[in-house]
PDB file of N, CA and C in Angstrom:
ATOM      1  N   MET A   1       7.826 -15.175  20.471  1.00  0.00           N
ATOM      2  CA  MET A   1       8.053 -13.786  20.149  1.00  0.00           C
ATOM      3  C   MET A   1       6.794 -12.992  20.492  1.00  0.00           C
ATOM      4  N   ALA A   2       6.953 -11.883  21.140  1.00  0.00           N
ATOM      5  CA  ALA A   2       5.834 -11.044  21.544  1.00  0.00           C
ATOM      6  C   ALA A   2       5.184 -10.406  20.318  1.00  0.00           C
ATOM      7  N   ASN A   3       3.883 -10.224  20.382  1.00  0.00           N
ATOM      8  CA  ASN A   3       3.158  -9.583  19.295  1.00  0.00           C
ATOM      9  C   ASN A   3       3.488  -8.091  19.275  1.00  0.00           C
ATOM     10  N   ARG A   4       3.978  -7.616  18.178  1.00  0.00           N
ATOM     11  CA  ARG A   4       4.324  -6.205  18.043  1.00  0.00           C
ATOM     12  C   ARG A   4       3.124  -5.445  17.539  1.00  0.00           C
ATOM     13  N   ARG A   5       2.965  -4.246  18.038  1.00  0.00           N
ATOM     14  CA  ARG A   5       1.854  -3.413  17.615  1.00  0.00           C
ATOM     15  C   ARG A   5       2.396  -2.143  16.978  1.00  0.00           C
ATOM     16  N   PHE A   6       2.270  -2.051  15.657  1.00  0.00           N
ATOM     17  CA  PHE A   6       2.656  -0.862  14.914  1.00  0.00           C
ATOM     18  C   PHE A   6       1.398  -0.062  14.641  1.00  0.00           C
ATOM     19  N   VAL A   7       1.427   1.221  14.931  1.00  0.00           N
ATOM     20  CA  VAL A   7       0.276   2.067  14.665  1.00  0.00           C
ATOM     21  C   VAL A   7       0.548   2.958  13.458  1.00  0.00           C
ATOM     22  N   ALA A   8       1.780   3.419  13.314  1.00  0.00           N
ATOM     23  CA  ALA A   8       2.113   4.283  12.179  1.00  0.00           C
ATOM     24  C   ALA A   8       3.532   4.023  11.729  1.00  0.00           C
ATOM     25  N   SER A   9       3.736   4.120  10.443  1.00  0.00           N
ATOM     26  CA  SER A   9       5.067   4.032   9.881  1.00  0.00           C
ATOM     27  C   SER A   9       5.234   5.199   8.924  1.00  0.00           C
ATOM     28  N   LEU A  10       6.071   6.146   9.310  1.00  0.00           N
ATOM     29  CA  LEU A  10       6.321   7.340   8.511  1.00  0.00           C
ATOM     30  C   LEU A  10       7.762   7.314   8.043  1.00  0.00           C
ATOM     31  N   MET A  11       7.985   6.784   6.851  1.00  0.00           N
ATOM     32  CA  MET A  11       9.335   6.649   6.322  1.00  0.00           C
ATOM     33  C   MET A  11       9.476   7.376   4.997  1.00  0.00           C
ATOM     34  N   SER A  12       8.883   8.539   4.886  1.00  0.00           N
ATOM     35  CA  SER A  12       8.911   9.244   3.613  1.00  0.00           C
ATOM     36  C   SER A  12      10.146  10.124   3.481  1.00  0.00           C
ATOM     37  N   GLU A  13      10.600  10.251   2.244  1.00  0.00           N
ATOM     38  CA  GLU A  13      11.684  11.146   1.853  1.00  0.00           C
ATOM     39  C   GLU A  13      12.971  10.949   2.655  1.00  0.00           C
ATOM     40  N   ASN A  14      13.360   9.696   2.830  1.00  0.00           N
ATOM     41  CA  ASN A  14      14.575   9.382   3.569  1.00  0.00           C
ATOM     42  C   ASN A  14      15.654   8.741   2.710  1.00  0.00           C
ATOM     43  N   LYS A  15      15.408   8.599   1.422  1.00  0.00           N
ATOM     44  CA  LYS A  15      16.336   7.948   0.498  1.00  0.00           C
ATOM     45  C   LYS A  15      16.636   6.513   0.907  1.00  0.00           C
ATOM     46  N   LEU A  16      15.653   5.874   1.553  1.00  0.00           N
ATOM     47  CA  LEU A  16      15.793   4.467   1.908  1.00  0.00           C
ATOM     48  C   LEU A  16      15.685   3.637   0.647  1.00  0.00           C
ATOM     49  N   SER A  17      16.444   2.555   0.586  1.00  0.00           N
ATOM     50  CA  SER A  17      16.380   1.691  -0.583  1.00  0.00           C
ATOM     51  C   SER A  17      16.353   0.248  -0.141  1.00  0.00           C
ATOM     52  N   SER A  18      15.950  -0.603  -1.035  1.00  0.00           N
ATOM     53  CA  SER A  18      15.852  -2.032  -0.809  1.00  0.00           C
ATOM     54  C   SER A  18      14.448  -2.474  -1.180  1.00  0.00           C
ATOM     55  N   GLU A  19      14.166  -3.720  -0.924  1.00  0.00           N
ATOM     56  CA  GLU A  19      12.829  -4.251  -1.144  1.00  0.00           C
ATOM     57  C   GLU A  19      12.125  -4.286   0.200  1.00  0.00           C
ATOM     58  N   ILE A  20      10.865  -3.862   0.233  1.00  0.00           N
ATOM     59  CA  ILE A  20      10.097  -3.919   1.476  1.00  0.00           C
ATOM     60  C   ILE A  20       9.668  -5.361   1.687  1.00  0.00           C
ATOM     61  N   SER A  21       9.986  -5.895   2.854  1.00  0.00           N
ATOM     62  CA  SER A  21       9.584  -7.261   3.180  1.00  0.00           C
ATOM     63  C   SER A  21       8.239  -7.239   3.893  1.00  0.00           C
ATOM     64  N   PHE A  22       7.281  -7.937   3.320  1.00  0.00           N
ATOM     65  CA  PHE A  22       5.967  -8.035   3.918  1.00  0.00           C
ATOM     66  C   PHE A  22       5.813  -9.355   4.675  1.00  0.00           C
ATOM     67  N   ASP A  23       6.940 -10.049   4.955  1.00  0.00           N
ATOM     68  CA  ASP A  23       6.895 -11.353   5.618  1.00  0.00           C
ATOM     69  C   ASP A  23       6.233 -11.316   6.978  1.00  0.00           C
ATOM     70  N   SER A  24       6.415 -10.246   7.725  1.00  0.00           N
ATOM     71  CA  SER A  24       5.858 -10.170   9.081  1.00  0.00           C
ATOM     72  C   SER A  24       4.680  -9.217   9.158  1.00  0.00           C
ATOM     73  N   ILE A  25       3.992  -9.028   8.035  1.00  0.00           N
ATOM     74  CA  ILE A  25       2.900  -8.061   7.994  1.00  0.00           C
ATOM     75  C   ILE A  25       1.769  -8.424   8.946  1.00  0.00           C
ATOM     76  N   ASN A  26       1.644  -9.699   9.293  1.00  0.00           N
ATOM     77  CA  ASN A  26       0.594 -10.086  10.240  1.00  0.00           C
ATOM     78  C   ASN A  26       0.832  -9.459  11.611  1.00  0.00           C
ATOM     79  N   ASN A  27       2.028  -8.966  11.876  1.00  0.00           N
ATOM     80  CA  ASN A  27       2.308  -8.246  13.120  1.00  0.00           C
ATOM     81  C   ASN A  27       1.966  -6.768  13.019  1.00  0.00           C
ATOM     82  N   TRP A  28       1.578  -6.314  11.849  1.00  0.00           N
ATOM     83  CA  TRP A  28       1.288  -4.896  11.641  1.00  0.00           C
ATOM     84  C   TRP A  28      -0.209  -4.610  11.609  1.00  0.00           C
ATOM     85  N   THR A  29      -1.040  -5.518  12.046  1.00  0.00           N
ATOM     86  CA  THR A  29      -2.485  -5.412  11.831  1.00  0.00           C
ATOM     87  C   THR A  29      -3.125  -4.212  12.519  1.00  0.00           C
ATOM     88  N   GLN A  30      -2.481  -3.604  13.485  1.00  0.00           N
ATOM     89  CA  GLN A  30      -3.020  -2.415  14.144  1.00  0.00           C
ATOM     90  C   GLN A  30      -2.582  -1.115  13.461  1.00  0.00           C
ATOM     91  N   MET A  31      -1.760  -1.237  12.416  1.00  0.00           N
ATOM     92  CA  MET A  31      -1.248  -0.047  11.738  1.00  0.00           C
ATOM     93  C   MET A  31      -2.387   0.749  11.117  1.00  0.00           C
ATOM     94  N   VAL A  32      -2.342   2.064  11.302  1.00  0.00           N
ATOM     95  CA  VAL A  32      -3.359   2.967  10.777  1.00  0.00           C
ATOM     96  C   VAL A  32      -2.805   3.790   9.614  1.00  0.00           C
ATOM     97  N   PHE A  33      -1.539   4.196   9.683  1.00  0.00           N
ATOM     98  CA  PHE A  33      -0.898   5.001   8.653  1.00  0.00           C
ATOM     99  C   PHE A  33       0.343   4.287   8.146  1.00  0.00           C
ATOM    100  N   LEU A  34       0.482   4.179   6.829  1.00  0.00           N
ATOM    101  CA  LEU A  34       1.694   3.644   6.226  1.00  0.00           C
ATOM    102  C   LEU A  34       2.126   4.620   5.131  1.00  0.00           C
ATOM    103  N   HIS A  35       3.176   5.384   5.427  1.00  0.00           N
ATOM    104  CA  HIS A  35       3.714   6.403   4.510  1.00  0.00           C
ATOM    105  C   HIS A  35       5.155   6.017   4.189  1.00  0.00           C
ATOM    106  N   VAL A  36       5.409   5.587   2.976  1.00  0.00           N
ATOM    107  CA  VAL A  36       6.785   5.276   2.577  1.00  0.00           C
ATOM    108  C   VAL A  36       7.117   5.905   1.224  1.00  0.00           C
ATOM    109  N   GLN A  37       6.465   7.016   0.923  1.00  0.00           N
ATOM    110  CA  GLN A  37       6.657   7.652  -0.375  1.00  0.00           C
ATOM    111  C   GLN A  37       8.017   8.331  -0.494  1.00  0.00           C
ATOM    112  N   ASN A  38       8.392   8.579  -1.751  1.00  0.00           N
ATOM    113  CA  ASN A  38       9.618   9.306  -2.088  1.00  0.00           C
ATOM    114  C   ASN A  38      10.871   8.677  -1.491  1.00  0.00           C
ATOM    115  N   ASN A  39      10.965   7.368  -1.579  1.00  0.00           N
ATOM    116  CA  ASN A  39      12.168   6.635  -1.226  1.00  0.00           C
ATOM    117  C   ASN A  39      12.612   5.863  -2.455  1.00  0.00           C
ATOM    118  N   LEU A  40      13.531   4.971  -2.274  1.00  0.00           N
ATOM    119  CA  LEU A  40      14.055   4.197  -3.398  1.00  0.00           C
ATOM    120  C   LEU A  40      13.714   2.717  -3.262  1.00  0.00           C
ATOM    121  N   PHE A  41      12.593   2.405  -2.636  1.00  0.00           N
ATOM    122  CA  PHE A  41      12.194   1.016  -2.470  1.00  0.00           C
ATOM    123  C   PHE A  41      11.883   0.390  -3.825  1.00  0.00           C
ATOM    124  N   ILE A  42      12.076  -0.915  -3.902  1.00  0.00           N
ATOM    125  CA  ILE A  42      11.798  -1.660  -5.127  1.00  0.00           C
ATOM    126  C   ILE A  42      10.969  -2.884  -4.785  1.00  0.00           C
ATOM    127  N   GLY A  43      10.509  -3.570  -5.787  1.00  0.00           N
ATOM    128  CA  GLY A  43       9.794  -4.818  -5.584  1.00  0.00           C
ATOM    129  C   GLY A  43       8.317  -4.678  -5.867  1.00  0.00           C
ATOM    130  N   LYS A  44       7.582  -5.670  -5.408  1.00  0.00           N
ATOM    131  CA  LYS A  44       6.142  -5.721  -5.650  1.00  0.00           C
ATOM    132  C   LYS A  44       5.384  -5.361  -4.391  1.00  0.00           C
ATOM    133  N   ILE A  45       4.183  -4.854  -4.578  1.00  0.00           N
ATOM    134  CA  ILE A  45       3.282  -4.628  -3.450  1.00  0.00           C
ATOM    135  C   ILE A  45       2.637  -5.973  -3.165  1.00  0.00           C
ATOM    136  N   SER A  46       2.877  -6.493  -1.998  1.00  0.00           N
ATOM    137  CA  SER A  46       2.445  -7.840  -1.644  1.00  0.00           C
ATOM    138  C   SER A  46       0.933  -7.918  -1.439  1.00  0.00           C
ATOM    139  N   PRO A  47       0.312  -9.035  -1.802  1.00  0.00           N
ATOM    140  CA  PRO A  47      -1.110  -9.210  -1.508  1.00  0.00           C
ATOM    141  C   PRO A  47      -1.400  -9.178  -0.009  1.00  0.00           C
ATOM    142  N   GLU A  48      -0.395  -9.434   0.817  1.00  0.00           N
ATOM    143  CA  GLU A  48      -0.570  -9.393   2.264  1.00  0.00           C
ATOM    144  C   GLU A  48      -0.903  -8.002   2.778  1.00  0.00           C
ATOM    145  N   ILE A  49      -0.762  -6.985   1.929  1.00  0.00           N
ATOM    146  CA  ILE A  49      -1.143  -5.629   2.321  1.00  0.00           C
ATOM    147  C   ILE A  49      -2.615  -5.615   2.742  1.00  0.00           C
ATOM    148  N   GLY A  50      -3.394  -6.536   2.216  1.00  0.00           N
ATOM    149  CA  GLY A  50      -4.806  -6.643   2.553  1.00  0.00           C
ATOM    150  C   GLY A  50      -5.068  -7.069   3.983  1.00  0.00           C
ATOM    151  N   LEU A  51      -4.041  -7.525   4.699  1.00  0.00           N
ATOM    152  CA  LEU A  51      -4.189  -7.905   6.104  1.00  0.00           C
ATOM    153  C   LEU A  51      -4.224  -6.690   7.022  1.00  0.00           C
ATOM    154  N   LEU A  52      -3.859  -5.525   6.524  1.00  0.00           N
ATOM    155  CA  LEU A  52      -3.795  -4.319   7.350  1.00  0.00           C
ATOM    156  C   LEU A  52      -5.179  -3.662   7.414  1.00  0.00           C
ATOM    157  N   SER A  53      -6.118  -4.353   8.001  1.00  0.00           N
ATOM    158  CA  SER A  53      -7.526  -3.950   7.954  1.00  0.00           C
ATOM    159  C   SER A  53      -7.819  -2.645   8.684  1.00  0.00           C
ATOM    160  N   ASN A  54      -6.943  -2.185   9.563  1.00  0.00           N
ATOM    161  CA  ASN A  54      -7.151  -0.917  10.273  1.00  0.00           C
ATOM    162  C   ASN A  54      -6.543   0.279   9.546  1.00  0.00           C
ATOM    163  N   LEU A  55      -5.877   0.030   8.438  1.00  0.00           N
ATOM    164  CA  LEU A  55      -5.194   1.089   7.712  1.00  0.00           C
ATOM    165  C   LEU A  55      -6.183   2.133   7.210  1.00  0.00           C
ATOM    166  N   SER A  56      -5.893   3.408   7.487  1.00  0.00           N
ATOM    167  CA  SER A  56      -6.735   4.477   6.952  1.00  0.00           C
ATOM    168  C   SER A  56      -5.994   5.299   5.902  1.00  0.00           C
ATOM    169  N   VAL A  57      -4.664   5.279   5.914  1.00  0.00           N
ATOM    170  CA  VAL A  57      -3.861   6.013   4.931  1.00  0.00           C
ATOM    171  C   VAL A  57      -2.754   5.096   4.423  1.00  0.00           C
ATOM    172  N   LEU A  58      -2.680   4.945   3.103  1.00  0.00           N
ATOM    173  CA  LEU A  58      -1.638   4.150   2.465  1.00  0.00           C
ATOM    174  C   LEU A  58      -1.017   4.987   1.353  1.00  0.00           C
ATOM    175  N   PHE A  59       0.212   5.454   1.590  1.00  0.00           N
ATOM    176  CA  PHE A  59       0.944   6.249   0.610  1.00  0.00           C
ATOM    177  C   PHE A  59       2.188   5.467   0.191  1.00  0.00           C
ATOM    178  N   LEU A  60       2.175   4.972  -1.036  1.00  0.00           N
ATOM    179  CA  LEU A  60       3.315   4.246  -1.596  1.00  0.00           C
ATOM    180  C   LEU A  60       3.735   4.872  -2.928  1.00  0.00           C
ATOM    181  N   TYR A  61       3.577   6.170  -3.064  1.00  0.00           N
ATOM    182  CA  TYR A  61       3.856   6.803  -4.349  1.00  0.00           C
ATOM    183  C   TYR A  61       5.331   7.164  -4.524  1.00  0.00           C
ATOM    184  N   HIS A  62       5.680   7.409  -5.787  1.00  0.00           N
ATOM    185  CA  HIS A  62       7.046   7.772  -6.199  1.00  0.00           C
ATOM    186  C   HIS A  62       8.058   6.723  -5.761  1.00  0.00           C
ATOM    187  N   LYS A  63       7.809   5.495  -6.116  1.00  0.00           N
ATOM    188  CA  LYS A  63       8.715   4.373  -5.853  1.00  0.00           C
ATOM    189  C   LYS A  63       8.990   3.652  -7.154  1.00  0.00           C
ATOM    190  N   ASN A  64       9.565   2.526  -7.013  1.00  0.00           N
ATOM    191  CA  ASN A  64       9.788   1.652  -8.154  1.00  0.00           C
ATOM    192  C   ASN A  64       9.032   0.349  -7.963  1.00  0.00           C
ATOM    193  N   PHE A  65       7.846   0.426  -7.357  1.00  0.00           N
ATOM    194  CA  PHE A  65       7.060  -0.783  -7.185  1.00  0.00           C
ATOM    195  C   PHE A  65       6.585  -1.281  -8.545  1.00  0.00           C
ATOM    196  N   THR A  66       6.587  -2.592  -8.700  1.00  0.00           N
ATOM    197  CA  THR A  66       6.197  -3.226  -9.951  1.00  0.00           C
ATOM    198  C   THR A  66       5.091  -4.237  -9.677  1.00  0.00           C
ATOM    199  N   GLY A  67       4.562  -4.785 -10.744  1.00  0.00           N
ATOM    200  CA  GLY A  67       3.547  -5.825 -10.617  1.00  0.00           C
ATOM    201  C   GLY A  67       2.153  -5.251 -10.466  1.00  0.00           C
ATOM    202  N   PRO A  68       1.195  -6.125 -10.184  1.00  0.00           N
ATOM    203  CA  PRO A  68      -0.201  -5.699 -10.139  1.00  0.00           C
ATOM    204  C   PRO A  68      -0.612  -5.121  -8.789  1.00  0.00           C
ATOM    205  N   ILE A  69      -1.771  -4.476  -8.797  1.00  0.00           N
ATOM    206  CA  ILE A  69      -2.465  -4.153  -7.554  1.00  0.00           C
ATOM    207  C   ILE A  69      -3.346  -5.365  -7.274  1.00  0.00           C
ATOM    208  N   HIS A  70      -3.118  -6.041  -6.187  1.00  0.00           N
ATOM    209  CA  HIS A  70      -3.829  -7.283  -5.891  1.00  0.00           C
ATOM    210  C   HIS A  70      -5.244  -7.013  -5.385  1.00  0.00           C
ATOM    211  N   ILE A  71      -6.130  -7.967  -5.610  1.00  0.00           N
ATOM    212  CA  ILE A  71      -7.526  -7.806  -5.190  1.00  0.00           C
ATOM    213  C   ILE A  71      -7.660  -7.666  -3.681  1.00  0.00           C
ATOM    214  N   GLU A  72      -6.667  -8.123  -2.932  1.00  0.00           N
ATOM    215  CA  GLU A  72      -6.707  -8.028  -1.472  1.00  0.00           C
ATOM    216  C   GLU A  72      -6.757  -6.589  -0.975  1.00  0.00           C
ATOM    217  N   ILE A  73      -6.427  -5.638  -1.841  1.00  0.00           N
ATOM    218  CA  ILE A  73      -6.531  -4.236  -1.439  1.00  0.00           C
ATOM    219  C   ILE A  73      -7.972  -3.898  -1.062  1.00  0.00           C
ATOM    220  N   GLY A  74      -8.919  -4.646  -1.594  1.00  0.00           N
ATOM    221  CA  GLY A  74     -10.320  -4.450  -1.268  1.00  0.00           C
ATOM    222  C   GLY A  74     -10.674  -4.790   0.168  1.00  0.00           C
ATOM    223  N   ASN A  75      -9.751  -5.439   0.897  1.00  0.00           N
ATOM    224  CA  ASN A  75      -9.965  -5.756   2.312  1.00  0.00           C
ATOM    225  C   ASN A  75      -9.727  -4.553   3.221  1.00  0.00           C
ATOM    226  N   LEU A  76      -9.184  -3.482   2.690  1.00  0.00           N
ATOM    227  CA  LEU A  76      -8.826  -2.312   3.494  1.00  0.00           C
ATOM    228  C   LEU A  76     -10.032  -1.382   3.630  1.00  0.00           C
ATOM    229  N   GLU A  77     -11.081  -1.886   4.236  1.00  0.00           N
ATOM    230  CA  GLU A  77     -12.358  -1.167   4.289  1.00  0.00           C
ATOM    231  C   GLU A  77     -12.316   0.125   5.093  1.00  0.00           C
ATOM    232  N   ASN A  78     -11.298   0.330   5.922  1.00  0.00           N
ATOM    233  CA  ASN A  78     -11.155   1.573   6.689  1.00  0.00           C
ATOM    234  C   ASN A  78     -10.317   2.611   5.962  1.00  0.00           C
ATOM    235  N   LEU A  79      -9.823   2.262   4.781  1.00  0.00           N
ATOM    236  CA  LEU A  79      -8.933   3.154   4.042  1.00  0.00           C
ATOM    237  C   LEU A  79      -9.661   4.422   3.607  1.00  0.00           C
ATOM    238  N   ARG A  80      -9.050   5.569   3.928  1.00  0.00           N
ATOM    239  CA  ARG A  80      -9.612   6.869   3.545  1.00  0.00           C
ATOM    240  C   ARG A  80      -8.783   7.548   2.462  1.00  0.00           C
ATOM    241  N   SER A  81      -7.486   7.234   2.411  1.00  0.00           N
ATOM    242  CA  SER A  81      -6.613   7.871   1.434  1.00  0.00           C
ATOM    243  C   SER A  81      -5.636   6.843   0.876  1.00  0.00           C
ATOM    244  N   LEU A  82      -5.565   6.764  -0.454  1.00  0.00           N
ATOM    245  CA  LEU A  82      -4.714   5.793  -1.141  1.00  0.00           C
ATOM    246  C   LEU A  82      -3.956   6.504  -2.246  1.00  0.00           C
ATOM    247  N   ASP A  83      -2.633   6.364  -2.249  1.00  0.00           N
ATOM    248  CA  ASP A  83      -1.822   6.934  -3.317  1.00  0.00           C
ATOM    249  C   ASP A  83      -0.763   5.921  -3.735  1.00  0.00           C
ATOM    250  N   LEU A  84      -0.927   5.384  -4.932  1.00  0.00           N
ATOM    251  CA  LEU A  84       0.034   4.441  -5.516  1.00  0.00           C
ATOM    252  C   LEU A  84       0.629   5.008  -6.801  1.00  0.00           C
ATOM    253  N   SER A  85       0.538   6.308  -6.981  1.00  0.00           N
ATOM    254  CA  SER A  85       0.932   6.933  -8.237  1.00  0.00           C
ATOM    255  C   SER A  85       2.438   6.893  -8.475  1.00  0.00           C
ATOM    256  N   ASN A  86       2.782   7.018  -9.741  1.00  0.00           N
ATOM    257  CA  ASN A  86       4.172   7.115 -10.186  1.00  0.00           C
ATOM    258  C   ASN A  86       5.024   5.932  -9.751  1.00  0.00           C
ATOM    259  N   ASN A  87       4.508   4.750  -9.985  1.00  0.00           N
ATOM    260  CA  ASN A  87       5.222   3.490  -9.829  1.00  0.00           C
ATOM    261  C   ASN A  87       5.243   2.812 -11.194  1.00  0.00           C
ATOM    262  N   GLN A  88       5.700   1.600 -11.230  1.00  0.00           N
ATOM    263  CA  GLN A  88       5.716   0.809 -12.463  1.00  0.00           C
ATOM    264  C   GLN A  88       4.705  -0.331 -12.339  1.00  0.00           C
ATOM    265  N   ILE A  89       3.507   0.004 -11.873  1.00  0.00           N
ATOM    266  CA  ILE A  89       2.466  -0.995 -11.646  1.00  0.00           C
ATOM    267  C   ILE A  89       1.904  -1.450 -12.988  1.00  0.00           C
ATOM    268  N   SER A  90       1.631  -2.752 -13.068  1.00  0.00           N
ATOM    269  CA  SER A  90       1.090  -3.312 -14.306  1.00  0.00           C
ATOM    270  C   SER A  90      -0.232  -4.011 -13.999  1.00  0.00           C
ATOM    271  N   GLY A  91      -0.941  -4.325 -15.039  1.00  0.00           N
ATOM    272  CA  GLY A  91      -2.222  -5.004 -14.871  1.00  0.00           C
ATOM    273  C   GLY A  91      -3.351  -4.006 -14.699  1.00  0.00           C
ATOM    274  N   SER A  92      -4.511  -4.527 -14.389  1.00  0.00           N
ATOM    275  CA  SER A  92      -5.711  -3.710 -14.270  1.00  0.00           C
ATOM    276  C   SER A  92      -5.943  -3.283 -12.827  1.00  0.00           C
ATOM    277  N   ILE A  93      -6.733  -2.230 -12.669  1.00  0.00           N
ATOM    278  CA  ILE A  93      -7.188  -1.846 -11.336  1.00  0.00           C
ATOM    279  C   ILE A  93      -8.230  -2.879 -10.924  1.00  0.00           C
ATOM    280  N   PRO A  94      -8.038  -3.573  -9.825  1.00  0.00           N
ATOM    281  CA  PRO A  94      -8.962  -4.652  -9.467  1.00  0.00           C
ATOM    282  C   PRO A  94     -10.350  -4.130  -9.086  1.00  0.00           C
ATOM    283  N   TYR A  95     -11.360  -4.897  -9.451  1.00  0.00           N
ATOM    284  CA  TYR A  95     -12.741  -4.518  -9.138  1.00  0.00           C
ATOM    285  C   TYR A  95     -12.969  -4.417  -7.642  1.00  0.00           C
ATOM    286  N   MET A  96     -12.188  -5.114  -6.835  1.00  0.00           N
ATOM    287  CA  MET A  96     -12.345  -5.108  -5.374  1.00  0.00           C
ATOM    288  C   MET A  96     -12.063  -3.735  -4.778  1.00  0.00           C
ATOM    289  N   ILE A  97     -11.475  -2.837  -5.546  1.00  0.00           N
ATOM    290  CA  ILE A  97     -11.239  -1.483  -5.042  1.00  0.00           C
ATOM    291  C   ILE A  97     -12.572  -0.801  -4.737  1.00  0.00           C
ATOM    292  N   GLY A  98     -13.645  -1.320  -5.324  1.00  0.00           N
ATOM    293  CA  GLY A  98     -14.980  -0.817  -5.046  1.00  0.00           C
ATOM    294  C   GLY A  98     -15.438  -1.078  -3.616  1.00  0.00           C
ATOM    295  N   ASN A  99     -14.746  -1.986  -2.896  1.00  0.00           N
ATOM    296  CA  ASN A  99     -15.065  -2.257  -1.490  1.00  0.00           C
ATOM    297  C   ASN A  99     -14.594  -1.146  -0.563  1.00  0.00           C
ATOM    298  N   LEU A 100     -13.799  -0.234  -1.073  1.00  0.00           N
ATOM    299  CA  LEU A 100     -13.218   0.818  -0.243  1.00  0.00           C
ATOM    300  C   LEU A 100     -14.229   1.960  -0.091  1.00  0.00           C
ATOM    301  N   VAL A 101     -15.298   1.691   0.630  1.00  0.00           N
ATOM    302  CA  VAL A 101     -16.428   2.619   0.732  1.00  0.00           C
ATOM    303  C   VAL A 101     -16.102   3.873   1.535  1.00  0.00           C
ATOM    304  N   ASN A 102     -15.051   3.852   2.347  1.00  0.00           N
ATOM    305  CA  ASN A 102     -14.655   5.034   3.128  1.00  0.00           C
ATOM    306  C   ASN A 102     -13.612   5.883   2.418  1.00  0.00           C
ATOM    307  N   LEU A 103     -13.219   5.465   1.227  1.00  0.00           N
ATOM    308  CA  LEU A 103     -12.168   6.156   0.485  1.00  0.00           C
ATOM    309  C   LEU A 103     -12.610   7.562   0.091  1.00  0.00           C
ATOM    310  N   GLU A 104     -11.816   8.551   0.496  1.00  0.00           N
ATOM    311  CA  GLU A 104     -12.094   9.954   0.192  1.00  0.00           C
ATOM    312  C   GLU A 104     -11.127  10.506  -0.847  1.00  0.00           C
ATOM    313  N   ASP A 105      -9.933   9.920  -0.932  1.00  0.00           N
ATOM    314  CA  ASP A 105      -8.882  10.438  -1.798  1.00  0.00           C
ATOM    315  C   ASP A 105      -8.109   9.267  -2.377  1.00  0.00           C
ATOM    316  N   MET A 106      -8.006   9.218  -3.708  1.00  0.00           N
ATOM    317  CA  MET A 106      -7.268   8.131  -4.365  1.00  0.00           C
ATOM    318  C   MET A 106      -6.498   8.702  -5.535  1.00  0.00           C
ATOM    319  N   ASN A 107      -5.225   8.344  -5.627  1.00  0.00           N
ATOM    320  CA  ASN A 107      -4.390   8.758  -6.740  1.00  0.00           C
ATOM    321  C   ASN A 107      -3.696   7.518  -7.295  1.00  0.00           C
ATOM    322  N   LEU A 108      -4.070   7.155  -8.506  1.00  0.00           N
ATOM    323  CA  LEU A 108      -3.481   5.996  -9.164  1.00  0.00           C
ATOM    324  C   LEU A 108      -2.868   6.383 -10.499  1.00  0.00           C
ATOM    325  N   ASN A 109      -2.531   7.659 -10.685  1.00  0.00           N
ATOM    326  CA  ASN A 109      -2.015   8.067 -11.989  1.00  0.00           C
ATOM    327  C   ASN A 109      -0.665   7.456 -12.249  1.00  0.00           C
ATOM    328  N   GLY A 110      -0.315   7.442 -13.500  1.00  0.00           N
ATOM    329  CA  GLY A 110       0.921   6.812 -13.909  1.00  0.00           C
ATOM    330  C   GLY A 110       0.600   5.788 -14.967  1.00  0.00           C
ATOM    331  N   THR A 111       1.250   4.658 -14.902  1.00  0.00           N
ATOM    332  CA  THR A 111       1.093   3.630 -15.936  1.00  0.00           C
ATOM    333  C   THR A 111       0.243   2.470 -15.445  1.00  0.00           C
ATOM    334  N   ILE A 112      -0.976   2.761 -14.992  1.00  0.00           N
ATOM    335  CA  ILE A 112      -1.877   1.720 -14.514  1.00  0.00           C
ATOM    336  C   ILE A 112      -3.037   1.622 -15.506  1.00  0.00           C
ATOM    337  N   PRO A 113      -3.128   0.526 -16.256  1.00  0.00           N
ATOM    338  CA  PRO A 113      -4.253   0.402 -17.190  1.00  0.00           C
ATOM    339  C   PRO A 113      -5.545   0.095 -16.447  1.00  0.00           C
ATOM    340  N   LEU A 114      -6.652   0.654 -16.911  1.00  0.00           N
ATOM    341  CA  LEU A 114      -7.957   0.379 -16.303  1.00  0.00           C
ATOM    342  C   LEU A 114      -8.508  -0.937 -16.828  1.00  0.00           C
ATOM    343  N   GLU A 115      -9.255  -1.648 -15.992  1.00  0.00           N
ATOM    344  CA  GLU A 115      -9.851  -2.929 -16.378  1.00  0.00           C
ATOM    345  C   GLU A 115     -11.055  -2.689 -17.263  1.00  0.00           C
TER     346      GLU A 115
END
């Protein structure tokens, strides 16, 4: 199978539903923008999200994502904007978020307890 190169995924406000499969995320390593806010996606944010090392914008707000924010998010060193607000995220904000030295904008409001 040929290596696919995704640079941007803009799937916001489309009333899409289902669980996002991160099974082939290793094919998304060139992705820079991931916008899937204001849809009806469910499930957990996979630790494999940390493989998207070129990501500069990650918007996953206003979903029904559950579970923790994994420490692998700290691998996204190029990330400039992060919004995980208004989900059903549980657990603590991982200390590895401190690795996001290029982060200019972060929104984690909602039901996320601080560590």
